[in-house]
Amino acid sequence: MALIRIEAVLDGRSGLYFVEIYHPAEADQPFVTTEPSYKTVAAAEIDTIAIIASGANNPNLRRQG
């Protein structure tokens, strides 16, 4: 079962892609939306995964409890 859903969306005005992250994955509205700053869908997805991975691998950013 997926916990999040990541979608790259083309911004019609700028011609760039932005990312929407849905949590839970089945949510109708995004939990997080970025600014349009990516030239391709692949760039948006790769950067988003890299950001999530770097946070998961940084013990200082993990929640305590």
C-alpha atoms as a PDB file:
ATOM      1  CA  MET A   1       0.000   0.000   0.000  1.00  0.00           C
ATOM      2  CA  ALA A   2       1.399   3.369  -1.056  1.00  0.00           C
ATOM      3  CA  LEU A   3       1.757   6.040   1.634  1.00  0.00           C
ATOM      4  CA  ILE A   4       2.292   8.992  -0.706  1.00  0.00           C
ATOM      5  CA  ARG A   5       1.662   9.829  -4.344  1.00  0.00           C
ATOM      6  CA  ILE A   6       3.945  12.145  -6.316  1.00  0.00           C
ATOM      7  CA  GLU A   7       2.677  13.863  -9.457  1.00  0.00           C
ATOM      8  CA  ALA A   8       4.520  16.247 -11.765  1.00  0.00           C
ATOM      9  CA  VAL A   9       2.133  18.797 -13.282  1.00  0.00           C
ATOM     10  CA  LEU A  10       2.787  21.178 -16.179  1.00  0.00           C
ATOM     11  CA  ASP A  11       2.201  24.847 -15.355  1.00  0.00           C
ATOM     12  CA  GLY A  12       0.513  26.385 -18.380  1.00  0.00           C
ATOM     13  CA  ARG A  13       1.850  29.886 -17.777  1.00  0.00           C
ATOM     14  CA  SER A  14       5.542  29.162 -17.265  1.00  0.00           C
ATOM     15  CA  GLY A  15       5.871  25.937 -19.255  1.00  0.00           C
ATOM     16  CA  LEU A  16       7.640  24.399 -16.253  1.00  0.00           C
ATOM     17  CA  TYR A  17       6.578  21.483 -14.076  1.00  0.00           C
ATOM     18  CA  PHE A  18       5.701  21.595 -10.401  1.00  0.00           C
ATOM     19  CA  VAL A  19       5.279  18.695  -7.980  1.00  0.00           C
ATOM     20  CA  GLU A  20       2.236  17.723  -5.965  1.00  0.00           C
ATOM     21  CA  ILE A  21       2.652  15.242  -3.116  1.00  0.00           C
ATOM     22  CA  TYR A  22      -0.470  13.546  -1.814  1.00  0.00           C
ATOM     23  CA  HIS A  23      -0.669  12.030   1.662  1.00  0.00           C
ATOM     24  CA  PRO A  24      -2.341   9.668   2.021  1.00  0.00           C
ATOM     25  CA  ALA A  25      -1.860   8.496  -1.556  1.00  0.00           C
ATOM     26  CA  GLU A  26      -5.628   8.402  -2.145  1.00  0.00           C
ATOM     27  CA  ALA A  27      -6.170  12.021  -1.042  1.00  0.00           C
ATOM     28  CA  ASP A  28      -8.067  14.329  -3.386  1.00  0.00           C
ATOM     29  CA  GLN A  29      -5.982  17.414  -2.537  1.00  0.00           C
ATOM     30  CA  PRO A  30      -2.168  17.636  -2.405  1.00  0.00           C
ATOM     31  CA  PHE A  31      -0.433  17.780   0.977  1.00  0.00           C
ATOM     32  CA  VAL A  32       2.503  19.691  -0.570  1.00  0.00           C
ATOM     33  CA  THR A  33       2.764  21.673  -3.816  1.00  0.00           C
ATOM     34  CA  THR A  34       6.028  23.144  -5.109  1.00  0.00           C
ATOM     35  CA  GLU A  35       6.632  26.147  -7.303  1.00  0.00           C
ATOM     36  CA  PRO A  36       7.000  25.421 -11.044  1.00  0.00           C
ATOM     37  CA  SER A  37      10.748  25.080 -11.516  1.00  0.00           C
ATOM     38  CA  TYR A  38      11.409  21.876 -13.459  1.00  0.00           C
ATOM     39  CA  LYS A  39      11.900  21.601 -17.222  1.00  0.00           C
ATOM     40  CA  THR A  40      10.853  17.935 -17.408  1.00  0.00           C
ATOM     41  CA  VAL A  41       8.713  15.428 -15.541  1.00  0.00           C
ATOM     42  CA  ALA A  42      11.818  13.302 -14.937  1.00  0.00           C
ATOM     43  CA  ALA A  43      13.693  16.216 -13.359  1.00  0.00           C
ATOM     44  CA  ALA A  44      10.767  16.941 -11.041  1.00  0.00           C
ATOM     45  CA  GLU A  45      10.438  13.312  -9.953  1.00  0.00           C
ATOM     46  CA  ILE A  46      14.179  12.714  -9.490  1.00  0.00           C
ATOM     47  CA  ASP A  47      14.625  15.888  -7.431  1.00  0.00           C
ATOM     48  CA  THR A  48      11.634  15.056  -5.248  1.00  0.00           C
ATOM     49  CA  ILE A  49      12.917  11.541  -4.576  1.00  0.00           C
ATOM     50  CA  ALA A  50      16.395  12.921  -3.802  1.00  0.00           C
ATOM     51  CA  ILE A  51      14.934  15.409  -1.300  1.00  0.00           C
ATOM     52  CA  ILE A  52      12.917  12.682   0.431  1.00  0.00           C
ATOM     53  CA  ALA A  53      15.903  10.315   0.502  1.00  0.00           C
ATOM     54  CA  SER A  54      18.259  12.942   1.915  1.00  0.00           C
ATOM     55  CA  GLY A  55      15.780  13.704   4.691  1.00  0.00           C
ATOM     56  CA  ALA A  56      15.305  10.023   5.476  1.00  0.00           C
ATOM     57  CA  ASN A  57      19.059   9.517   5.646  1.00  0.00           C
ATOM     58  CA  ASN A  58      19.669  12.508   7.935  1.00  0.00           C
ATOM     59  CA  PRO A  59      19.235  11.460  11.577  1.00  0.00           C
ATOM     60  CA  ASN A  60      19.003  15.124  12.651  1.00  0.00           C
ATOM     61  CA  LEU A  61      15.783  15.536  10.656  1.00  0.00           C
ATOM     62  CA  ARG A  62      14.019  12.435  11.985  1.00  0.00           C
ATOM     63  CA  ARG A  63      11.172  12.915  14.413  1.00  0.00           C
ATOM     64  CA  GLN A  64      11.843  11.972  17.994  1.00  0.00           C
ATOM     65  CA  GLY A  65       9.293   9.999  19.851  1.00  0.00           C
END
